[in-house]
PDB file of N, CA and C in Angstrom:
ATOM      1  N   MET A   1     112.361 121.453  94.081  1.00  0.00           N
ATOM      2  CA  MET A   1     111.584 122.520  94.669  1.00  0.00           C
ATOM      3  C   MET A   1     112.339 123.820  94.415  1.00  0.00           C
ATOM      4  N   ASP A   2     111.710 124.748  93.783  1.00  0.00           N
ATOM      5  CA  ASP A   2     112.369 125.993  93.415  1.00  0.00           C
ATOM      6  C   ASP A   2     112.127 127.057  94.473  1.00  0.00           C
ATOM      7  N   LYS A   3     113.195 127.447  95.150  1.00  0.00           N
ATOM      8  CA  LYS A   3     113.132 128.509  96.152  1.00  0.00           C
ATOM      9  C   LYS A   3     113.796 129.781  95.646  1.00  0.00           C
ATOM     10  N   GLY A   4     114.364 129.723  94.415  1.00  0.00           N
ATOM     11  CA  GLY A   4     114.971 130.904  93.830  1.00  0.00           C
ATOM     12  C   GLY A   4     116.421 131.141  94.194  1.00  0.00           C
ATOM     13  N   TYR A   5     117.080 130.203  94.822  1.00  0.00           N
ATOM     14  CA  TYR A   5     118.470 130.380  95.238  1.00  0.00           C
ATOM     15  C   TYR A   5     119.465 129.887  94.195  1.00  0.00           C
ATOM     16  N   PHE A   6     119.098 128.900  93.417  1.00  0.00           N
ATOM     17  CA  PHE A   6     120.022 128.315  92.442  1.00  0.00           C
ATOM     18  C   PHE A   6     119.956 129.098  91.141  1.00  0.00           C
ATOM     19  N   GLN A   7     121.118 129.477  90.635  1.00  0.00           N
ATOM     20  CA  GLN A   7     121.201 130.207  89.370  1.00  0.00           C
ATOM     21  C   GLN A   7     121.750 129.261  88.306  1.00  0.00           C
ATOM     22  N   GLY A   8     121.106 129.201  87.167  1.00  0.00           N
ATOM     23  CA  GLY A   8     121.591 128.355  86.081  1.00  0.00           C
ATOM     24  C   GLY A   8     120.669 127.185  85.833  1.00  0.00           C
ATOM     25  N   PRO A   9     121.023 126.375  84.839  1.00  0.00           N
ATOM     26  CA  PRO A   9     120.186 125.226  84.498  1.00  0.00           C
ATOM     27  C   PRO A   9     120.282 124.122  85.552  1.00  0.00           C
ATOM     28  N   VAL A  10     119.173 123.495  85.805  1.00  0.00           N
ATOM     29  CA  VAL A  10     119.142 122.385  86.755  1.00  0.00           C
ATOM     30  C   VAL A  10     119.519 121.116  86.002  1.00  0.00           C
ATOM     31  N   ASP A  11     120.601 120.469  86.456  1.00  0.00           N
ATOM     32  CA  ASP A  11     121.075 119.276  85.753  1.00  0.00           C
ATOM     33  C   ASP A  11     121.122 118.041  86.648  1.00  0.00           C
ATOM     34  N   GLY A  12     120.712 118.187  87.904  1.00  0.00           N
ATOM     35  CA  GLY A  12     120.700 117.045  88.816  1.00  0.00           C
ATOM     36  C   GLY A  12     122.039 116.761  89.470  1.00  0.00           C
ATOM     37  N   ALA A  13     123.063 117.535  89.139  1.00  0.00           N
ATOM     38  CA  ALA A  13     124.393 117.329  89.721  1.00  0.00           C
ATOM     39  C   ALA A  13     124.577 118.228  90.939  1.00  0.00           C
ATOM     40  N   TRP A  14     125.251 117.714  91.966  1.00  0.00           N
ATOM     41  CA  TRP A  14     125.589 118.509  93.141  1.00  0.00           C
ATOM     42  C   TRP A  14     126.960 119.103  92.868  1.00  0.00           C
ATOM     43  N   ASN A  15     127.002 120.418  92.707  1.00  0.00           N
ATOM     44  CA  ASN A  15     128.244 121.088  92.319  1.00  0.00           C
ATOM     45  C   ASN A  15     128.411 122.358  93.143  1.00  0.00           C
ATOM     46  N   PRO A  16     129.476 123.123  92.928  1.00  0.00           N
ATOM     47  CA  PRO A  16     129.691 124.346  93.719  1.00  0.00           C
ATOM     48  C   PRO A  16     128.512 125.325  93.674  1.00  0.00           C
ATOM     49  N   GLY A  17     127.806 125.411  92.566  1.00  0.00           N
ATOM     50  CA  GLY A  17     126.630 126.279  92.494  1.00  0.00           C
ATOM     51  C   GLY A  17     125.520 125.797  93.411  1.00  0.00           C
ATOM     52  N   SER A  18     125.389 124.475  93.538  1.00  0.00           N
ATOM     53  CA  SER A  18     124.393 123.891  94.436  1.00  0.00           C
ATOM     54  C   SER A  18     124.726 124.213  95.889  1.00  0.00           C
ATOM     55  N   VAL A  19     126.004 124.062  96.229  1.00  0.00           N
ATOM     56  CA  VAL A  19     126.455 124.341  97.595  1.00  0.00           C
ATOM     57  C   VAL A  19     126.228 125.814  97.928  1.00  0.00           C
ATOM     58  N   ASP A  20     126.562 126.698  96.989  1.00  0.00           N
ATOM     59  CA  ASP A  20     126.370 128.136  97.196  1.00  0.00           C
ATOM     60  C   ASP A  20     124.893 128.457  97.421  1.00  0.00           C
ATOM     61  N   ALA A  21     124.026 127.871  96.614  1.00  0.00           N
ATOM     62  CA  ALA A  21     122.588 128.109  96.760  1.00  0.00           C
ATOM     63  C   ALA A  21     122.102 127.627  98.126  1.00  0.00           C
ATOM     64  N   LEU A  22     122.563 126.455  98.549  1.00  0.00           N
ATOM     65  CA  LEU A  22     122.154 125.929  99.844  1.00  0.00           C
ATOM     66  C   LEU A  22     122.657 126.818 100.971  1.00  0.00           C
ATOM     67  N   LYS A  23     123.882 127.294 100.877  1.00  0.00           N
ATOM     68  CA  LYS A  23     124.435 128.177 101.914  1.00  0.00           C
ATOM     69  C   LYS A  23     123.622 129.466 102.028  1.00  0.00           C
ATOM     70  N   ARG A  24     123.221 130.044 100.907  1.00  0.00           N
ATOM     71  CA  ARG A  24     122.413 131.267 100.949  1.00  0.00           C
ATOM     72  C   ARG A  24     121.043 130.997 101.561  1.00  0.00           C
ATOM     73  N   PHE A  25     120.456 129.850 101.203  1.00  0.00           N
ATOM     74  CA  PHE A  25     119.174 129.466 101.799  1.00  0.00           C
ATOM     75  C   PHE A  25     119.322 129.279 103.306  1.00  0.00           C
ATOM     76  N   GLN A  26     120.360 128.553 103.726  1.00  0.00           N
ATOM     77  CA  GLN A  26     120.580 128.308 105.147  1.00  0.00           C
ATOM     78  C   GLN A  26     120.750 129.624 105.901  1.00  0.00           C
ATOM     79  N   LYS A  27     121.513 130.537 105.340  1.00  0.00           N
ATOM     80  CA  LYS A  27     121.729 131.836 105.993  1.00  0.00           C
ATOM     81  C   LYS A  27     120.403 132.571 106.155  1.00  0.00           C
ATOM     82  N   ASP A  28     119.580 132.587 105.116  1.00  0.00           N
ATOM     83  CA  ASP A  28     118.280 133.257 105.179  1.00  0.00           C
ATOM     84  C   ASP A  28     117.344 132.604 106.189  1.00  0.00           C
ATOM     85  N   GLN A  29     117.551 131.325 106.472  1.00  0.00           N
ATOM     86  CA  GLN A  29     116.720 130.592 107.432  1.00  0.00           C
ATOM     87  C   GLN A  29     117.332 130.585 108.840  1.00  0.00           C
ATOM     88  N   ASN A  30     118.411 131.353 109.019  1.00  0.00           N
ATOM     89  CA  ASN A  30     119.128 131.409 110.309  1.00  0.00           C
ATOM     90  C   ASN A  30     119.656 130.042 110.736  1.00  0.00           C
ATOM     91  N   LEU A  31     120.115 129.265 109.756  1.00  0.00           N
ATOM     92  CA  LEU A  31     120.743 127.977 110.017  1.00  0.00           C
ATOM     93  C   LEU A  31     122.244 128.130 109.841  1.00  0.00           C
ATOM     94  N   ASP A  32     123.007 127.163 110.334  1.00  0.00           N
ATOM     95  CA  ASP A  32     124.448 127.143 110.110  1.00  0.00           C
ATOM     96  C   ASP A  32     124.680 126.977 108.612  1.00  0.00           C
ATOM     97  N   ALA A  33     125.241 127.995 107.971  1.00  0.00           N
ATOM     98  CA  ALA A  33     125.424 127.976 106.511  1.00  0.00           C
ATOM     99  C   ALA A  33     126.673 127.184 106.150  1.00  0.00           C
ATOM    100  N   ASP A  34     126.570 125.848 106.285  1.00  0.00           N
ATOM    101  CA  ASP A  34     127.715 124.978 106.014  1.00  0.00           C
ATOM    102  C   ASP A  34     127.643 124.304 104.645  1.00  0.00           C
ATOM    103  N   GLY A  35     126.528 124.468 103.933  1.00  0.00           N
ATOM    104  CA  GLY A  35     126.393 123.857 102.616  1.00  0.00           C
ATOM    105  C   GLY A  35     126.125 122.370 102.651  1.00  0.00           C
ATOM    106  N   LYS A  36     125.819 121.847 103.826  1.00  0.00           N
ATOM    107  CA  LYS A  36     125.512 120.419 103.972  1.00  0.00           C
ATOM    108  C   LYS A  36     124.015 120.261 104.215  1.00  0.00           C
ATOM    109  N   ILE A  37     123.434 119.245 103.619  1.00  0.00           N
ATOM    110  CA  ILE A  37     121.997 119.019 103.764  1.00  0.00           C
ATOM    111  C   ILE A  37     121.746 118.194 105.020  1.00  0.00           C
ATOM    112  N   GLY A  38     121.575 118.894 106.133  1.00  0.00           N
ATOM    113  CA  GLY A  38     121.279 118.237 107.398  1.00  0.00           C
ATOM    114  C   GLY A  38     119.789 118.231 107.663  1.00  0.00           C
ATOM    115  N   SER A  39     119.417 117.686 108.800  1.00  0.00           N
ATOM    116  CA  SER A  39     117.996 117.557 109.123  1.00  0.00           C
ATOM    117  C   SER A  39     117.297 118.905 109.227  1.00  0.00           C
ATOM    118  N   LEU A  40     117.956 119.915 109.792  1.00  0.00           N
ATOM    119  CA  LEU A  40     117.302 121.223 109.910  1.00  0.00           C
ATOM    120  C   LEU A  40     117.099 121.866 108.542  1.00  0.00           C
ATOM    121  N   SER A  41     118.054 121.668 107.638  1.00  0.00           N
ATOM    122  CA  SER A  41     117.894 122.202 106.276  1.00  0.00           C
ATOM    123  C   SER A  41     116.746 121.497 105.569  1.00  0.00           C
ATOM    124  N   LEU A  42     116.645 120.194 105.722  1.00  0.00           N
ATOM    125  CA  LEU A  42     115.548 119.450 105.101  1.00  0.00           C
ATOM    126  C   LEU A  42     114.199 119.919 105.624  1.00  0.00           C
ATOM    127  N   ILE A  43     114.109 120.145 106.927  1.00  0.00           N
ATOM    128  CA  ILE A  43     112.857 120.612 107.515  1.00  0.00           C
ATOM    129  C   ILE A  43     112.526 122.002 106.983  1.00  0.00           C
ATOM    130  N   ALA A  44     113.531 122.886 106.901  1.00  0.00           N
ATOM    131  CA  ALA A  44     113.307 124.239 106.385  1.00  0.00           C
ATOM    132  C   ALA A  44     112.851 124.208 104.924  1.00  0.00           C
ATOM    133  N   LEU A  45     113.317 123.226 104.186  1.00  0.00           N
ATOM    134  CA  LEU A  45     112.911 123.072 102.787  1.00  0.00           C
ATOM    135  C   LEU A  45     111.534 122.420 102.649  1.00  0.00           C
ATOM    136  N   GLY A  46     110.976 121.979 103.764  1.00  0.00           N
ATOM    137  CA  GLY A  46     109.680 121.303 103.717  1.00  0.00           C
ATOM    138  C   GLY A  46     109.802 119.839 103.374  1.00  0.00           C
ATOM    139  N   LEU A  47     110.999 119.283 103.571  1.00  0.00           N
ATOM    140  CA  LEU A  47     111.233 117.889 103.211  1.00  0.00           C
ATOM    141  C   LEU A  47     111.447 116.999 104.426  1.00  0.00           C
ATOM    142  N   GLY A  48     111.166 117.507 105.612  1.00  0.00           N
ATOM    143  CA  GLY A  48     111.346 116.736 106.826  1.00  0.00           C
ATOM    144  C   GLY A  48     110.144 115.856 107.104  1.00  0.00           C
ATOM    145  N   PRO A  49     110.150 115.206 108.255  1.00  0.00           N
ATOM    146  CA  PRO A  49     109.022 114.344 108.616  1.00  0.00           C
ATOM    147  C   PRO A  49     107.748 115.165 108.765  1.00  0.00           C
ATOM    148  N   LYS A  50     106.645 114.571 108.418  1.00  0.00           N
ATOM    149  CA  LYS A  50     105.347 115.234 108.531  1.00  0.00           C
ATOM    150  C   LYS A  50     104.868 115.167 109.975  1.00  0.00           C
ATOM    151  N   ARG A  51     104.241 116.219 110.441  1.00  0.00           N
ATOM    152  CA  ARG A  51     103.699 116.229 111.806  1.00  0.00           C
ATOM    153  C   ARG A  51     102.573 115.215 111.917  1.00  0.00           C
ATOM    154  N   GLY A  52     102.539 114.540 113.066  1.00  0.00           N
ATOM    155  CA  GLY A  52     101.466 113.594 113.317  1.00  0.00           C
ATOM    156  C   GLY A  52     101.706 112.223 112.704  1.00  0.00           C
ATOM    157  N   VAL A  53     102.808 112.054 112.010  1.00  0.00           N
ATOM    158  CA  VAL A  53     103.134 110.774 111.406  1.00  0.00           C
ATOM    159  C   VAL A  53     104.411 110.267 112.066  1.00  0.00           C
ATOM    160  N   ALA A  54     104.314 109.149 112.724  1.00  0.00           N
ATOM    161  CA  ALA A  54     105.482 108.573 113.383  1.00  0.00           C
ATOM    162  C   ALA A  54     106.389 107.953 112.334  1.00  0.00           C
ATOM    163  N   SER A  55     107.649 108.381 112.340  1.00  0.00           N
ATOM    164  CA  SER A  55     108.593 107.827 111.374  1.00  0.00           C
ATOM    165  C   SER A  55     109.264 106.575 111.919  1.00  0.00           C
ATOM    166  N   ALA A  56     109.227 106.413 113.221  1.00  0.00           N
ATOM    167  CA  ALA A  56     109.809 105.222 113.830  1.00  0.00           C
ATOM    168  C   ALA A  56     108.993 104.888 115.076  1.00  0.00           C
ATOM    169  N   GLN A  57     109.024 103.644 115.457  1.00  0.00           N
ATOM    170  CA  GLN A  57     108.283 103.232 116.633  1.00  0.00           C
ATOM    171  C   GLN A  57     108.977 103.781 117.869  1.00  0.00           C
ATOM    172  N   ALA A  58     108.222 104.310 118.794  1.00  0.00           N
ATOM    173  CA  ALA A  58     108.791 104.886 120.005  1.00  0.00           C
ATOM    174  C   ALA A  58     109.419 103.797 120.861  1.00  0.00           C
ATOM    175  N   ALA A  59     110.523 104.143 121.489  1.00  0.00           N
ATOM    176  CA  ALA A  59     111.193 103.210 122.392  1.00  0.00           C
ATOM    177  C   ALA A  59     110.415 103.159 123.701  1.00  0.00           C
ATOM    178  N   PRO A  60     110.436 102.026 124.381  1.00  0.00           N
ATOM    179  CA  PRO A  60     109.723 101.939 125.650  1.00  0.00           C
ATOM    180  C   PRO A  60     110.363 102.854 126.682  1.00  0.00           C
ATOM    181  N   ALA A  61     109.552 103.362 127.589  1.00  0.00           N
ATOM    182  CA  ALA A  61     110.065 104.209 128.665  1.00  0.00           C
ATOM    183  C   ALA A  61     110.976 103.382 129.554  1.00  0.00           C
ATOM    184  N   ALA A  62     111.868 104.059 130.245  1.00  0.00           N
ATOM    185  CA  ALA A  62     112.838 103.372 131.099  1.00  0.00           C
ATOM    186  C   ALA A  62     112.150 102.533 132.171  1.00  0.00           C
ATOM    187  N   SER A  63     110.965 102.952 132.614  1.00  0.00           N
ATOM    188  CA  SER A  63     110.263 102.214 133.668  1.00  0.00           C
ATOM    189  C   SER A  63     109.501 101.003 133.140  1.00  0.00           C
ATOM    190  N   GLU A  64     109.382 100.887 131.820  1.00  0.00           N
ATOM    191  CA  GLU A  64     108.656  99.756 131.236  1.00  0.00           C
ATOM    192  C   GLU A  64     109.573  98.557 131.095  1.00  0.00           C
ATOM    193  N   THR A  65     109.025  97.386 131.329  1.00  0.00           N
ATOM    194  CA  THR A  65     109.767  96.153 131.141  1.00  0.00           C
ATOM    195  C   THR A  65     109.315  95.516 129.840  1.00  0.00           C
ATOM    196  N   VAL A  66     110.267  95.222 128.987  1.00  0.00           N
ATOM    197  CA  VAL A  66     109.942  94.596 127.716  1.00  0.00           C
ATOM    198  C   VAL A  66     110.208  93.101 127.854  1.00  0.00           C
ATOM    199  N   VAL A  67     109.172  92.308 127.653  1.00  0.00           N
ATOM    200  CA  VAL A  67     109.299  90.859 127.763  1.00  0.00           C
ATOM    201  C   VAL A  67     109.186  90.282 126.363  1.00  0.00           C
ATOM    202  N   PRO A  68     110.242  89.599 125.895  1.00  0.00           N
ATOM    203  CA  PRO A  68     110.157  89.010 124.566  1.00  0.00           C
ATOM    204  C   PRO A  68     109.166  87.856 124.553  1.00  0.00           C
ATOM    205  N   PRO A  69     108.592  87.553 123.410  1.00  0.00           N
ATOM    206  CA  PRO A  69     107.654  86.433 123.333  1.00  0.00           C
ATOM    207  C   PRO A  69     108.356  85.121 123.679  1.00  0.00           C
ATOM    208  N   ALA A  70     107.581  84.210 124.230  1.00  0.00           N
ATOM    209  CA  ALA A  70     108.139  82.905 124.610  1.00  0.00           C
ATOM    210  C   ALA A  70     108.584  82.148 123.374  1.00  0.00           C
ATOM    211  N   VAL A  71     109.676  81.453 123.525  1.00  0.00           N
ATOM    212  CA  VAL A  71     110.194  80.636 122.412  1.00  0.00           C
ATOM    213  C   VAL A  71     109.659  79.221 122.595  1.00  0.00           C
ATOM    214  N   GLN A  72     109.030  78.719 121.563  1.00  0.00           N
ATOM    215  CA  GLN A  72     108.480  77.361 121.615  1.00  0.00           C
ATOM    216  C   GLN A  72     109.597  76.364 121.282  1.00  0.00           C
ATOM    217  N   PRO A  73     109.721  75.317 122.091  1.00  0.00           N
ATOM    218  CA  PRO A  73     110.757  74.309 121.802  1.00  0.00           C
ATOM    219  C   PRO A  73     110.448  73.586 120.483  1.00  0.00           C
ATOM    220  N   GLN A  74     111.510  73.273 119.755  1.00  0.00           N
ATOM    221  CA  GLN A  74     111.332  72.557 118.505  1.00  0.00           C
ATOM    222  C   GLN A  74     111.063  71.094 118.792  1.00  0.00           C
ATOM    223  N   GLN A  75     110.214  70.483 118.006  1.00  0.00           N
ATOM    224  CA  GLN A  75     109.841  69.092 118.220  1.00  0.00           C
ATOM    225  C   GLN A  75     110.602  68.175 117.321  1.00  0.00           C
TER     226      GLN A  75
END
């Protein structure tokens, strides 16, 4: 995804130029400019989870009792 931050040919390698581009992007997005691809950076890049799509099954509420299915004895 081209946001205009990376200068030079794209070669698929993560190098100092990649880190610099990410830091400039993070700064412009008011994120911690640490050069690490964290969840907030991914979301800012449009690569985070999609709204309305559950990425994981929700855990039961603390007040809910989870009963495992009965185990049938082996014959």
